Amino acid sequence: MPVNAVGADQLSGIEEESDIYEAFAPHVDTSNISVLTDTPPGKKPNLKSFQDVQSLIQQGKKREAKLVLRENSWPTNSPIRSQLWPALCAQHHVGKSMLDGFYWDMVNQVFGTTELPEKPIMLPPFVDSTHCLPYHLTRKGRAVADRVVSVLGYACPDITYSPTLYPITSILLHFMSEEECYHCMASLVAPKEKVFITQTKLLYEVTWKTVMQIAKKHAKSAVNYLAAMCSGQKPESIYMDWCWWILGGLPFPHLVRVMDCFFHEGIKVFYRVSLAILILFHKHVTASNSDWDADTIKHDIDNALPKFCKNIPVSPAKLLRTAFSIRALSSTYISRVFLKTEMLLKSKSVLSGPKQMVRSRSSDNLPTSQSQINVQMMSHTLTIREGAHSPDVRVLSMGVFPIQAIKTKVCDQDTLFTLWSWLPVRITMYQPVLLYTTEEHGCSLTTFYVRVEQHEPTLLMIKTCNNEVFGAYCSSRWYERNLKDDRGQRQAYFGTGETFLFSLYPERAKYPWVGIEGDTGLGHASELFMAADSKMITIGGGEGQAIWMDENIRFGKTDRCQTFNNPPLCASGDFEIRVLEVYGFVGA
């Protein structure tokens, strides 16, 4: 139904006398926007107000807010979103709040004027030109979207590939001003805890492979049906466009309701909705009265799901109910699949054979220039150096170099670039900071915990008295050694499969978790990542410990272990520690 055909009585819960165009920004063409309501004619929907949702957010009641957003079917033209969406996005903002006028100062820097240019704006290279979806924006609205995305690209040079960024900008602009839209987008690209918008090609690939993996478990019948329809081609190709089922396929009223939840909960909403689309598609096309022909689907399998979405036979409320009623699809499970997929893809780029690392002599694996700056910052504080240098030569963590140190070489940047290429992509964005070094803070496990235990992740580096250099990337806080399980017992091991071992001298090698390669036959022994108490620290377990250190951080041992399937990290197996350093990452 066109927006101008909707009576004020169907906008109950909003201001009854309000202009029906009040919901939309001036740069929106409302003539083709349909308004779907899930309320029977003549019945007033009991919809929550913006103040209701805002109160929950301010009180930190995120779960209650989540349920309200999922259950309240505000009409597409409800004025609530002009306040609701900016508030939802603002809660994810990282760092200092932007001052009034900040955006327009940026516009002036980029374009030299705040006037909209008459010629088309050249968009940043991370934009996918085939998916610059304007929805119902006017010509001016599209120019505004171009400008917001261009300024965002200028402010965030680390974004290298982000095809969903433009469509999400366009959607926001339907309900707010240009400046508000920029602030919302800046908040969505910044969060550390939740993913909203992927910003590299690697992570974009991770998302569709994550959808494919979780669909095999939670939309099994649909996955099997699609696989049977894919005669002569790999079913994977269907899932590569998963986010366009939502952003490019769903009718606008459905999309707006999905975004109500997305701006609060993050990309997991898209995952759930994509599974709901698969489930509903399979149910619809296999129904006895379906007008879908199996041969037609088979011959045009790539367009089957987008075509279904454009004419989806359920209401926005039914779509969301289907999405959020999928059982056992927890955020933790999705994160685990996402993390394992990311590690697998990243390891493929550096593995040249089983357990054998490519010894990169360049920074090709680094995603951004910021990573290289971070490597240089780390090299200034690094005490540990490669090779057989004098044990008396020290480099202080505050960057004050004794005269003797100038004559020797800090662990060279080539080596650090290799180490940096092994880190998870998102971590390379953050500035490393030296948390603990035996050179400055003494050899005490108690001091180690005080300085390190609340940081996640950490990079632990050891130099032995025989000049071997090795260590571990530790994915979880060392504080987790104190956490107890449901029965009140302290868990011996903690950590995740993102943990890995490495050797820098005399050999360079990375030893990732065996689970990356799908080696599941080892059971519990393959997941012994980190352990610690008042007497020792252990990394890796199962028939041996990859790294073990005593309470005085003086002596240690290294063996092959089942968690990482690594060789001993030094020749003798037993070692005496010359220097231990632990780095954290600011903002991670």
Protein backbone atom coordinates (compact mmCIF):
# COMPACT_ATOMS: atom_id res chain seq x y z
CA MET A 1 0.00 0.00 0.00
CA PRO A 2 1.47 3.43 -0.86
CA VAL A 3 2.47 5.51 2.09
CA ASN A 4 -0.07 8.24 1.30
CA ALA A 5 -2.90 5.69 1.51
CA VAL A 6 -2.30 4.91 5.14
CA GLY A 7 -4.74 6.47 7.59
CA ALA A 8 -3.72 8.04 10.85
CA ASP A 9 -5.59 5.30 12.72
CA GLN A 10 -3.01 2.78 11.50
CA LEU A 11 -0.21 4.80 13.04
CA SER A 12 -1.46 4.35 16.59
CA GLY A 13 1.28 4.40 19.16
CA ILE A 14 2.69 7.40 17.28
CA GLU A 15 1.30 10.92 17.21
CA GLU A 16 -2.10 10.39 15.62
CA GLU A 17 -2.21 13.77 13.91
CA SER A 18 1.35 13.63 12.59
CA ASP A 19 2.11 14.11 8.92
CA ILE A 20 2.74 10.69 7.37
CA TYR A 21 5.89 12.06 5.72
CA GLU A 22 7.33 13.15 9.06
CA ALA A 23 9.20 9.85 9.38
CA PHE A 24 11.29 10.34 6.27
CA ALA A 25 14.13 12.76 5.55
CA PRO A 26 13.65 15.40 2.81
CA HIS A 27 15.98 13.54 0.43
CA VAL A 28 13.62 10.49 0.24
CA ASP A 29 11.08 9.82 -2.52
CA THR A 30 8.12 8.45 -0.53
CA SER A 31 5.88 7.75 -3.54
CA ASN A 32 6.89 4.08 -3.85
CA ILE A 33 7.38 3.20 -0.19
CA SER A 34 4.92 0.56 0.98
CA VAL A 35 3.79 0.41 4.58
CA LEU A 36 2.97 -3.03 5.94
CA THR A 37 1.33 -3.42 9.33
CA ASP A 38 0.95 -6.69 11.20
CA THR A 39 -2.04 -5.39 13.13
CA PRO A 40 -5.61 -6.27 12.08
CA PRO A 41 -7.57 -3.29 10.67
CA GLY A 42 -9.17 -1.14 13.36
CA LYS A 43 -7.06 -2.55 16.18
CA LYS A 44 -4.53 -0.30 17.88
CA PRO A 45 -1.06 -1.86 18.14
CA ASN A 46 0.45 -1.43 21.59
CA LEU A 47 3.82 -0.17 20.41
CA LYS A 48 6.62 1.01 22.68
CA SER A 49 7.77 4.62 22.41
CA PHE A 50 11.31 5.85 21.87
CA GLN A 51 11.42 6.88 25.53
CA ASP A 52 10.67 3.26 26.54
CA VAL A 53 13.59 1.92 24.50
CA GLN A 54 15.92 4.76 25.51
CA SER A 55 15.23 4.09 29.19
CA LEU A 56 16.25 0.43 28.78
CA ILE A 57 19.48 1.40 26.96
CA GLN A 58 20.39 3.99 29.60
CA GLN A 59 19.85 1.42 32.36
CA GLY A 60 22.11 -1.06 30.56
CA LYS A 61 19.21 -3.49 30.07
CA LYS A 62 20.41 -4.69 26.67
CA ARG A 63 18.48 -7.95 26.69
CA GLU A 64 15.18 -6.22 27.48
CA ALA A 65 15.89 -3.66 24.74
CA LYS A 66 16.67 -6.51 22.34
CA LEU A 67 13.28 -8.15 22.98
CA VAL A 68 11.42 -4.85 22.52
CA LEU A 69 13.15 -4.22 19.19
CA ARG A 70 12.38 -7.74 17.99
CA GLU A 71 8.71 -7.69 18.99
CA ASN A 72 7.52 -4.14 18.21
CA SER A 73 6.45 -3.90 14.57
CA TRP A 74 6.63 -0.15 14.09
CA PRO A 75 5.27 0.77 10.63
CA THR A 76 7.82 1.69 7.98
CA ASN A 77 6.83 5.35 8.21
CA SER A 78 6.94 5.58 12.01
CA PRO A 79 8.74 8.73 13.22
CA ILE A 80 10.36 6.69 16.01
CA ARG A 81 13.34 5.73 13.85
CA SER A 82 14.62 9.31 13.50
CA GLN A 83 15.46 9.07 17.23
CA LEU A 84 15.74 5.31 17.71
CA TRP A 85 18.36 4.48 15.10
CA PRO A 86 20.85 7.23 16.11
CA ALA A 87 20.47 6.14 19.76
CA LEU A 88 21.04 2.47 18.92
CA CYS A 89 24.15 3.26 16.85
CA ALA A 90 25.54 5.70 19.45
CA GLN A 91 25.72 2.98 22.11
CA HIS A 92 28.45 1.24 20.06
CA HIS A 93 30.61 4.37 19.70
CA VAL A 94 34.27 3.93 20.66
CA GLY A 95 36.51 6.77 21.83
CA LYS A 96 35.70 10.41 22.38
CA SER A 97 32.38 11.81 21.21
CA MET A 98 32.56 13.86 18.02
CA LEU A 99 32.01 17.57 18.53
CA ASP A 100 29.21 19.45 16.80
CA GLY A 101 30.36 20.48 13.36
CA PHE A 102 33.06 17.78 13.19
CA TYR A 103 31.46 16.19 10.11
CA TRP A 104 31.21 19.47 8.22
CA ASP A 105 34.85 20.24 9.02
CA MET A 106 35.70 16.86 7.46
CA VAL A 107 33.55 17.65 4.40
CA ASN A 108 35.45 20.90 3.96
CA GLN A 109 38.78 19.07 4.23
CA VAL A 110 37.80 16.47 1.62
CA PHE A 111 35.84 18.62 -0.87
CA GLY A 112 36.86 22.21 -0.06
CA THR A 113 33.20 23.20 0.32
CA THR A 114 30.03 22.08 2.07
CA GLU A 115 27.98 22.59 -1.09
CA LEU A 116 26.94 19.36 -2.80
CA PRO A 117 29.01 18.99 -5.99
CA GLU A 118 27.14 18.90 -9.29
CA LYS A 119 29.40 16.21 -10.74
CA PRO A 120 29.28 12.63 -9.37
CA ILE A 121 31.60 12.00 -6.45
CA MET A 122 34.34 9.40 -6.97
CA LEU A 123 33.68 6.79 -4.29
CA PRO A 124 36.44 5.13 -2.21
CA PRO A 125 37.94 1.90 -3.63
CA PHE A 126 36.42 -0.23 -0.85
CA VAL A 127 32.93 0.38 -2.30
CA ASP A 128 31.41 -2.30 -4.56
CA SER A 129 29.89 -0.29 -7.42
CA THR A 130 27.45 -3.11 -8.28
CA HIS A 131 25.83 -2.79 -4.85
CA CYS A 132 25.47 0.98 -4.36
CA LEU A 133 21.83 0.52 -3.44
CA PRO A 134 19.96 3.84 -3.02
CA TYR A 135 16.56 2.33 -2.08
CA HIS A 136 14.16 5.33 -2.11
CA LEU A 137 16.67 8.18 -1.99
CA THR A 138 16.18 11.06 -4.43
CA ARG A 139 18.99 12.18 -6.72
CA LYS A 140 20.09 14.60 -4.00
CA GLY A 141 19.84 11.80 -1.45
CA ARG A 142 22.19 9.65 -3.51
CA ALA A 143 24.71 12.50 -3.68
CA VAL A 144 24.46 12.83 0.10
CA ALA A 145 25.10 9.07 0.50
CA ASP A 146 28.13 9.36 -1.82
CA ARG A 147 29.51 12.19 0.31
CA VAL A 148 28.98 10.41 3.65
CA VAL A 149 30.76 7.29 2.34
CA SER A 150 33.61 9.36 0.87
CA VAL A 151 34.22 11.24 4.13
CA LEU A 152 34.07 7.96 6.04
CA GLY A 153 36.72 6.53 3.69
CA TYR A 154 38.89 9.58 4.32
CA ALA A 155 38.49 9.26 8.11
CA CYS A 156 38.98 5.46 8.15
CA PRO A 157 41.86 4.64 5.77
CA ASP A 158 42.07 1.10 7.20
CA ILE A 159 38.83 0.05 5.42
CA THR A 160 39.99 -1.89 2.37
CA TYR A 161 36.81 -3.71 1.20
CA SER A 162 33.31 -3.11 2.50
CA PRO A 163 30.46 -3.70 0.01
CA THR A 164 27.70 -3.43 2.66
CA LEU A 165 28.83 0.00 3.89
CA TYR A 166 27.10 1.99 1.11
CA PRO A 167 23.67 0.28 1.36
CA ILE A 168 23.60 0.68 5.15
CA THR A 169 24.44 4.37 4.73
CA SER A 170 21.53 4.70 2.27
CA ILE A 171 19.10 3.02 4.69
CA LEU A 172 20.09 5.31 7.56
CA LEU A 173 19.60 8.40 5.37
CA HIS A 174 15.89 7.58 5.01
CA PHE A 175 15.32 8.53 8.62
CA MET A 176 17.91 11.17 9.53
CA SER A 177 20.12 14.04 8.42
CA GLU A 178 23.45 13.68 6.64
CA GLU A 179 25.45 14.60 9.75
CA GLU A 180 23.53 12.14 11.96
CA CYS A 181 24.07 9.41 9.34
CA TYR A 182 27.83 9.98 9.39
CA HIS A 183 27.94 9.73 13.19
CA CYS A 184 25.95 6.48 13.04
CA MET A 185 28.23 4.95 10.40
CA ALA A 186 31.35 6.02 12.32
CA SER A 187 29.93 4.20 15.37
CA LEU A 188 29.18 1.04 13.36
CA VAL A 189 32.65 0.66 11.84
CA ALA A 190 34.44 1.20 15.18
CA PRO A 191 33.20 -1.48 17.66
CA LYS A 192 35.57 -4.16 18.94
CA GLU A 193 33.05 -6.47 20.61
CA LYS A 194 30.41 -6.70 17.88
CA VAL A 195 30.79 -6.91 14.12
CA PHE A 196 28.39 -4.71 12.14
CA ILE A 197 30.22 -4.03 8.89
CA THR A 198 33.12 -6.12 7.56
CA GLN A 199 36.01 -4.01 6.32
CA THR A 200 38.40 -6.41 4.54
CA LYS A 201 38.00 -8.98 1.75
CA LEU A 202 39.11 -11.71 4.14
CA LEU A 203 36.36 -10.95 6.66
CA TYR A 204 33.74 -10.61 3.92
CA GLU A 205 34.65 -14.13 2.79
CA VAL A 206 34.53 -15.31 6.40
CA THR A 207 30.89 -14.11 6.69
CA TRP A 208 29.49 -16.10 3.77
CA LYS A 209 31.41 -19.20 4.81
CA THR A 210 30.06 -18.75 8.33
CA VAL A 211 26.50 -18.61 6.96
CA MET A 212 27.14 -21.75 4.94
CA GLN A 213 28.48 -23.60 8.00
CA ILE A 214 25.69 -22.64 10.41
CA ALA A 215 23.06 -23.32 7.73
CA LYS A 216 24.29 -26.93 7.43
CA LYS A 217 23.28 -27.39 11.06
CA HIS A 218 20.28 -25.07 11.48
CA ALA A 219 18.68 -25.07 8.01
CA LYS A 220 19.70 -28.58 7.02
CA SER A 221 16.70 -29.45 4.83
CA ALA A 222 17.05 -26.22 2.81
CA VAL A 223 20.81 -26.74 2.39
CA ASN A 224 20.31 -30.31 1.16
CA TYR A 225 17.55 -29.19 -1.23
CA LEU A 226 19.74 -26.43 -2.72
CA ALA A 227 22.68 -28.84 -3.03
CA ALA A 228 20.45 -31.25 -4.98
CA MET A 229 19.39 -28.39 -7.28
CA CYS A 230 23.02 -27.40 -7.99
CA SER A 231 23.66 -29.79 -10.82
CA GLY A 232 27.19 -29.42 -12.08
CA GLN A 233 28.20 -26.51 -9.85
CA LYS A 234 29.37 -26.06 -6.29
CA PRO A 235 26.63 -25.09 -3.79
CA GLU A 236 29.08 -22.59 -2.22
CA SER A 237 28.32 -20.09 -4.98
CA ILE A 238 24.77 -19.66 -3.61
CA TYR A 239 26.00 -18.41 -0.23
CA MET A 240 28.51 -15.88 -1.55
CA ASP A 241 25.69 -13.36 -2.01
CA TRP A 242 24.00 -14.10 1.31
CA CYS A 243 23.93 -10.49 2.56
CA TRP A 244 22.28 -9.34 -0.71
CA TRP A 245 19.32 -11.63 0.01
CA ILE A 246 18.67 -9.17 2.84
CA LEU A 247 20.07 -5.82 1.67
CA GLY A 248 19.18 -6.23 -2.01
CA GLY A 249 16.28 -8.67 -2.02
CA LEU A 250 13.89 -8.02 0.87
CA PRO A 251 11.05 -5.49 0.39
CA PHE A 252 11.79 -2.19 2.12
CA PRO A 253 9.33 -2.70 5.03
CA HIS A 254 10.94 -6.06 5.84
CA LEU A 255 14.43 -4.57 5.57
CA VAL A 256 13.60 -1.68 7.90
CA ARG A 257 12.38 -4.08 10.60
CA VAL A 258 15.53 -6.19 10.22
CA MET A 259 17.62 -3.03 10.65
CA ASP A 260 15.75 -2.14 13.87
CA CYS A 261 17.35 -5.25 15.39
CA PHE A 262 20.65 -5.05 13.48
CA PHE A 263 21.59 -1.62 14.86
CA HIS A 264 21.33 -3.05 18.38
CA GLU A 265 22.60 -6.62 18.03
CA GLY A 266 25.03 -6.54 15.11
CA ILE A 267 25.69 -8.90 12.20
CA LYS A 268 24.28 -11.93 14.02
CA VAL A 269 20.83 -10.55 13.09
CA PHE A 270 21.77 -10.87 9.41
CA TYR A 271 22.95 -14.45 10.03
CA ARG A 272 19.63 -15.38 11.64
CA VAL A 273 17.57 -13.66 8.94
CA SER A 274 19.55 -15.41 6.18
CA LEU A 275 18.78 -18.78 7.79
CA ALA A 276 15.12 -17.78 8.10
CA ILE A 277 15.10 -16.96 4.38
CA LEU A 278 16.55 -20.41 3.59
CA ILE A 279 13.97 -22.14 5.81
CA LEU A 280 11.03 -20.15 4.40
CA PHE A 281 12.26 -20.62 0.81
CA HIS A 282 12.47 -24.39 1.19
CA LYS A 283 9.05 -24.57 2.86
CA HIS A 284 7.46 -22.41 0.14
CA VAL A 285 8.94 -24.04 -2.97
CA THR A 286 8.25 -27.60 -1.76
CA ALA A 287 4.64 -26.87 -0.72
CA SER A 288 1.99 -28.74 -2.70
CA ASN A 289 0.40 -25.52 -3.98
CA SER A 290 3.70 -23.82 -4.84
CA ASP A 291 4.00 -21.97 -8.12
CA TRP A 292 7.76 -22.66 -8.15
CA ASP A 293 8.94 -25.19 -10.69
CA ALA A 294 11.91 -27.40 -9.73
CA ASP A 295 13.40 -27.25 -13.24
CA THR A 296 13.23 -23.44 -13.23
CA ILE A 297 15.01 -23.35 -9.86
CA LYS A 298 17.64 -25.79 -11.09
CA HIS A 299 18.39 -23.79 -14.25
CA ASP A 300 18.59 -20.45 -12.41
CA ILE A 301 19.74 -21.52 -8.96
CA ASP A 302 21.86 -18.37 -8.39
CA ASN A 303 18.80 -16.12 -8.69
CA ALA A 304 16.32 -18.36 -6.87
CA LEU A 305 16.84 -16.91 -3.38
CA PRO A 306 17.02 -13.21 -4.45
CA LYS A 307 13.81 -13.73 -6.50
CA PHE A 308 12.11 -15.37 -3.50
CA CYS A 309 13.14 -12.49 -1.20
CA LYS A 310 11.70 -9.81 -3.51
CA ASN A 311 8.27 -11.45 -3.22
CA ILE A 312 8.65 -13.02 0.21
CA PRO A 313 5.25 -14.48 1.17
CA VAL A 314 5.44 -13.62 4.90
CA SER A 315 5.11 -10.39 6.87
CA PRO A 316 8.12 -8.64 8.45
CA ALA A 317 6.98 -9.92 11.87
CA LYS A 318 6.79 -13.55 10.63
CA LEU A 319 10.25 -13.24 9.06
CA LEU A 320 11.74 -12.03 12.36
CA ARG A 321 9.84 -14.64 14.38
CA THR A 322 11.28 -17.36 12.15
CA ALA A 323 14.77 -15.88 12.48
CA PHE A 324 14.74 -15.55 16.25
CA SER A 325 13.03 -18.88 16.95
CA ILE A 326 15.90 -20.95 15.52
CA ARG A 327 17.01 -22.97 18.53
CA ALA A 328 20.55 -23.45 19.85
CA LEU A 329 21.91 -20.75 17.53
CA SER A 330 23.75 -18.83 20.24
CA SER A 331 26.02 -15.83 19.72
CA THR A 332 28.84 -17.90 21.25
CA TYR A 333 28.35 -20.66 18.67
CA ILE A 334 28.25 -18.15 15.78
CA SER A 335 31.41 -16.46 17.10
CA ARG A 336 33.17 -19.82 17.35
CA VAL A 337 32.31 -20.72 13.75
CA PHE A 338 33.33 -17.21 12.58
CA LEU A 339 36.64 -17.39 14.47
CA LYS A 340 37.51 -20.87 13.21
CA THR A 341 36.68 -19.84 9.63
CA GLU A 342 38.81 -16.70 9.93
CA MET A 343 41.76 -18.69 11.29
CA LEU A 344 41.43 -21.30 8.55
CA LEU A 345 41.38 -18.71 5.76
CA LYS A 346 44.25 -16.76 7.27
CA SER A 347 46.34 -19.87 7.79
CA LYS A 348 45.84 -20.86 4.13
CA SER A 349 47.51 -17.62 3.07
CA VAL A 350 50.67 -18.45 5.03
CA LEU A 351 50.80 -22.26 4.97
CA SER A 352 52.90 -23.83 2.21
CA GLY A 353 52.50 -27.33 3.54
CA PRO A 354 51.57 -29.19 6.70
CA LYS A 355 52.84 -27.11 9.62
CA GLN A 356 55.38 -25.37 7.41
CA MET A 357 55.21 -21.60 7.30
CA VAL A 358 56.09 -19.39 4.37
CA ARG A 359 58.95 -17.24 5.63
CA SER A 360 57.75 -13.96 4.29
CA ARG A 361 60.42 -11.31 3.67
CA SER A 362 57.90 -8.58 2.99
CA SER A 363 54.90 -6.93 4.55
CA ASP A 364 52.52 -8.28 1.88
CA ASN A 365 50.39 -10.07 4.45
CA LEU A 366 49.74 -6.90 6.43
CA PRO A 367 46.31 -5.44 5.74
CA THR A 368 47.07 -1.75 6.33
CA SER A 369 49.71 0.89 6.80
CA GLN A 370 48.58 1.19 10.42
CA SER A 371 49.92 -2.32 11.04
CA GLN A 372 53.34 -1.28 9.83
CA ILE A 373 53.30 1.74 12.14
CA ASN A 374 52.39 -0.59 15.02
CA VAL A 375 55.28 -2.90 14.16
CA GLN A 376 57.67 0.05 14.26
CA MET A 377 56.28 1.11 17.64
CA MET A 378 56.81 -2.38 19.01
CA SER A 379 60.39 -2.49 17.73
CA HIS A 380 61.22 0.58 19.83
CA THR A 381 60.24 -1.14 23.08
CA LEU A 382 61.46 -4.65 22.29
CA THR A 383 64.25 -5.91 24.53
CA ILE A 384 64.37 -9.34 22.95
CA ARG A 385 66.56 -9.51 19.87
CA GLU A 386 67.40 -12.20 17.37
CA GLY A 387 70.75 -13.90 17.33
CA ALA A 388 73.71 -14.14 19.66
CA HIS A 389 74.00 -10.61 21.00
CA SER A 390 75.69 -9.78 24.26
CA PRO A 391 73.48 -10.55 27.28
CA ASP A 392 74.45 -7.23 28.82
CA VAL A 393 72.99 -5.12 26.03
CA ARG A 394 69.53 -3.81 27.05
CA VAL A 395 66.86 -1.58 25.52
CA LEU A 396 64.54 0.05 28.07
CA SER A 397 60.83 -0.14 27.41
CA MET A 398 60.39 3.64 27.63
CA GLY A 399 62.43 4.06 24.49
CA VAL A 400 65.62 5.28 26.20
CA PHE A 401 68.49 3.51 24.42
CA PRO A 402 71.80 2.98 26.32
CA ILE A 403 74.89 3.67 24.23
CA GLN A 404 75.71 -0.05 24.00
CA ALA A 405 72.28 -0.80 22.50
CA ILE A 406 72.85 1.53 19.56
CA LYS A 407 75.63 -0.79 18.37
CA THR A 408 73.28 -3.80 18.23
CA LYS A 409 70.09 -4.44 16.37
CA VAL A 410 66.67 -4.66 17.98
CA CYS A 411 64.74 -7.75 16.76
CA ASP A 412 64.62 -6.58 13.17
CA GLN A 413 61.42 -5.30 11.60
CA ASP A 414 61.54 -8.02 8.95
CA THR A 415 61.08 -10.57 11.74
CA LEU A 416 58.38 -8.48 13.37
CA PHE A 417 56.54 -8.14 10.05
CA THR A 418 56.47 -11.93 9.84
CA LEU A 419 55.11 -12.17 13.39
CA TRP A 420 52.54 -9.45 12.64
CA SER A 421 51.32 -11.31 9.56
CA TRP A 422 50.44 -14.25 11.82
CA LEU A 423 48.21 -12.20 14.13
CA PRO A 424 44.42 -12.06 13.59
CA VAL A 425 43.68 -9.26 11.12
CA ARG A 426 41.62 -7.20 13.58
CA ILE A 427 44.45 -7.20 16.17
CA THR A 428 47.00 -5.73 13.75
CA MET A 429 44.95 -2.51 13.83
CA TYR A 430 45.78 -1.87 17.49
CA GLN A 431 48.83 -0.26 19.01
CA PRO A 432 51.03 -2.71 20.96
CA VAL A 433 52.00 -1.75 24.51
CA LEU A 434 54.62 -3.41 26.71
CA LEU A 435 52.81 -4.71 29.80
CA TYR A 436 55.54 -6.69 31.51
CA THR A 437 59.25 -7.34 31.09
CA THR A 438 61.61 -9.16 33.42
CA GLU A 439 64.19 -6.48 32.57
CA GLU A 440 62.17 -3.82 34.33
CA HIS A 441 59.53 -5.47 36.51
CA GLY A 442 61.51 -8.36 38.02
CA CYS A 443 61.06 -12.12 37.85
CA SER A 444 57.85 -12.76 39.75
CA LEU A 445 54.71 -14.54 38.67
CA THR A 446 52.70 -12.36 41.08
CA THR A 447 53.92 -9.19 39.33
CA PHE A 448 53.26 -10.85 35.97
CA TYR A 449 49.59 -11.41 36.89
CA VAL A 450 49.13 -7.91 38.35
CA ARG A 451 50.40 -6.28 35.15
CA VAL A 452 48.98 -8.68 32.56
CA GLU A 453 45.93 -10.61 33.73
CA GLN A 454 43.16 -8.21 32.64
CA HIS A 455 44.46 -7.77 29.07
CA GLU A 456 43.09 -9.74 26.11
CA PRO A 457 44.80 -10.80 23.92
CA THR A 458 48.48 -10.81 24.90
CA LEU A 459 51.68 -11.61 23.01
CA LEU A 460 54.22 -13.45 25.13
CA MET A 461 57.87 -13.54 23.97
CA ILE A 462 60.78 -15.44 25.53
CA LYS A 463 64.50 -15.18 24.91
CA THR A 464 66.55 -18.00 26.44
CA CYS A 465 70.15 -17.87 27.66
CA ASN A 466 71.04 -19.78 24.47
CA ASN A 467 69.52 -16.91 22.41
CA GLU A 468 66.49 -18.85 21.17
CA VAL A 469 63.46 -16.60 20.68
CA PHE A 470 59.93 -18.04 20.77
CA GLY A 471 56.56 -17.40 22.35
CA ALA A 472 52.78 -17.50 22.07
CA TYR A 473 49.80 -15.39 21.08
CA CYS A 474 47.38 -15.88 24.00
CA SER A 475 43.75 -15.26 23.07
CA SER A 476 42.21 -14.94 26.54
CA ARG A 477 42.86 -13.02 29.76
CA TRP A 478 45.19 -14.69 32.23
CA TYR A 479 42.61 -13.72 34.86
CA GLU A 480 40.50 -16.61 33.60
CA ARG A 481 42.70 -18.93 35.68
CA ASN A 482 40.49 -17.83 38.62
CA LEU A 483 37.11 -18.47 36.99
CA LYS A 484 34.98 -21.40 38.14
CA ASP A 485 32.62 -23.69 36.26
CA ASP A 486 28.94 -24.34 37.06
CA ARG A 487 29.94 -26.74 39.84
CA GLY A 488 32.16 -24.16 41.52
CA GLN A 489 35.40 -25.82 40.45
CA ARG A 490 38.29 -23.86 38.97
CA GLN A 491 38.86 -24.79 35.34
CA ALA A 492 42.38 -26.06 34.72
CA TYR A 493 42.61 -24.86 31.11
CA PHE A 494 41.08 -21.86 29.35
CA GLY A 495 41.56 -19.90 26.10
CA THR A 496 40.36 -20.36 22.53
CA GLY A 497 41.61 -21.78 19.23
CA GLU A 498 42.90 -18.37 18.23
CA THR A 499 45.90 -19.04 20.50
CA PHE A 500 49.05 -20.09 18.63
CA LEU A 501 52.77 -20.72 19.21
CA PHE A 502 55.65 -19.25 17.24
CA SER A 503 59.39 -19.46 16.93
CA LEU A 504 61.44 -16.49 15.67
CA TYR A 505 65.07 -17.61 16.16
CA PRO A 506 66.89 -19.66 15.00
CA GLU A 507 63.84 -20.78 12.93
CA ARG A 508 60.74 -18.78 12.02
CA ALA A 509 57.56 -20.83 12.25
CA LYS A 510 53.97 -20.56 13.41
CA TYR A 511 52.17 -23.47 15.09
CA PRO A 512 48.39 -22.88 15.02
CA TRP A 513 45.74 -24.86 16.85
CA VAL A 514 45.28 -28.33 15.32
CA GLY A 515 41.53 -27.66 15.11
CA ILE A 516 42.13 -25.27 12.20
CA GLU A 517 42.81 -28.27 9.99
CA GLY A 518 39.74 -30.12 11.21
CA ASP A 519 41.77 -32.57 13.29
CA THR A 520 39.04 -33.53 15.76
CA GLY A 521 40.17 -37.05 16.67
CA LEU A 522 42.24 -35.85 19.63
CA GLY A 523 39.27 -34.88 21.80
CA HIS A 524 39.93 -32.84 24.93
CA ALA A 525 43.71 -32.92 24.45
CA SER A 526 43.38 -30.74 21.36
CA GLU A 527 41.86 -27.83 23.34
CA LEU A 528 44.34 -27.32 26.20
CA PHE A 529 45.27 -23.76 25.31
CA MET A 530 46.30 -21.92 28.49
CA ALA A 531 46.66 -22.85 32.17
CA ALA A 532 48.09 -20.97 35.15
CA ASP A 533 48.19 -20.85 38.95
CA SER A 534 50.45 -19.39 41.65
CA LYS A 535 53.26 -21.85 40.79
CA MET A 536 53.43 -21.97 36.99
CA ILE A 537 52.21 -20.91 33.52
CA THR A 538 51.44 -23.43 30.77
CA ILE A 539 50.55 -22.99 27.11
CA GLY A 540 49.48 -26.08 25.15
CA GLY A 541 48.92 -29.58 26.52
CA GLY A 542 48.29 -33.21 25.73
CA GLU A 543 51.27 -35.61 25.96
CA GLY A 544 53.48 -32.63 26.80
CA GLN A 545 53.45 -28.91 27.36
CA ALA A 546 54.48 -26.52 24.57
CA ILE A 547 55.63 -23.83 27.02
CA TRP A 548 55.94 -24.24 30.80
CA MET A 549 57.50 -21.65 33.13
CA ASP A 550 58.10 -21.75 36.88
CA GLU A 551 56.89 -19.24 39.47
CA ASN A 552 60.21 -17.36 39.43
CA ILE A 553 60.06 -16.94 35.63
CA ARG A 554 63.59 -18.31 35.47
CA PHE A 555 63.38 -21.86 34.21
CA GLY A 556 61.09 -23.51 31.69
CA LYS A 557 60.61 -26.48 29.41
CA THR A 558 59.09 -27.09 26.00
CA ASP A 559 57.75 -30.31 24.46
CA ARG A 560 55.60 -31.41 21.61
CA CYS A 561 51.91 -31.11 22.56
CA GLN A 562 48.64 -32.28 20.99
CA THR A 563 46.97 -28.86 21.08
CA PHE A 564 49.41 -27.38 18.54
CA ASN A 565 51.30 -30.47 17.27
CA ASN A 566 54.51 -28.45 17.60
CA PRO A 567 58.10 -29.62 17.95
CA PRO A 568 59.96 -28.45 21.09
CA LEU A 569 60.54 -24.71 20.62
CA CYS A 570 64.21 -24.93 21.60
CA ALA A 571 66.76 -27.65 20.94
CA SER A 572 67.38 -28.86 24.49
CA GLY A 573 63.75 -28.88 25.63
CA ASP A 574 64.72 -27.28 28.95
CA PHE A 575 65.63 -23.60 28.95
CA GLU A 576 66.72 -20.75 31.21
CA ILE A 577 64.90 -17.47 30.62
CA ARG A 578 67.03 -14.43 29.87
CA VAL A 579 64.13 -12.11 29.06
CA LEU A 580 60.35 -12.49 29.12
CA GLU A 581 58.19 -9.74 27.60
CA VAL A 582 54.41 -9.54 27.35
CA TYR A 583 52.59 -7.12 25.04
CA GLY A 584 48.98 -6.03 25.07
CA PHE A 585 47.04 -4.10 22.41
CA VAL A 586 45.52 -0.69 23.17
CA GLY A 587 41.77 -0.69 22.51
CA ALA A 588 41.45 -4.44 21.83
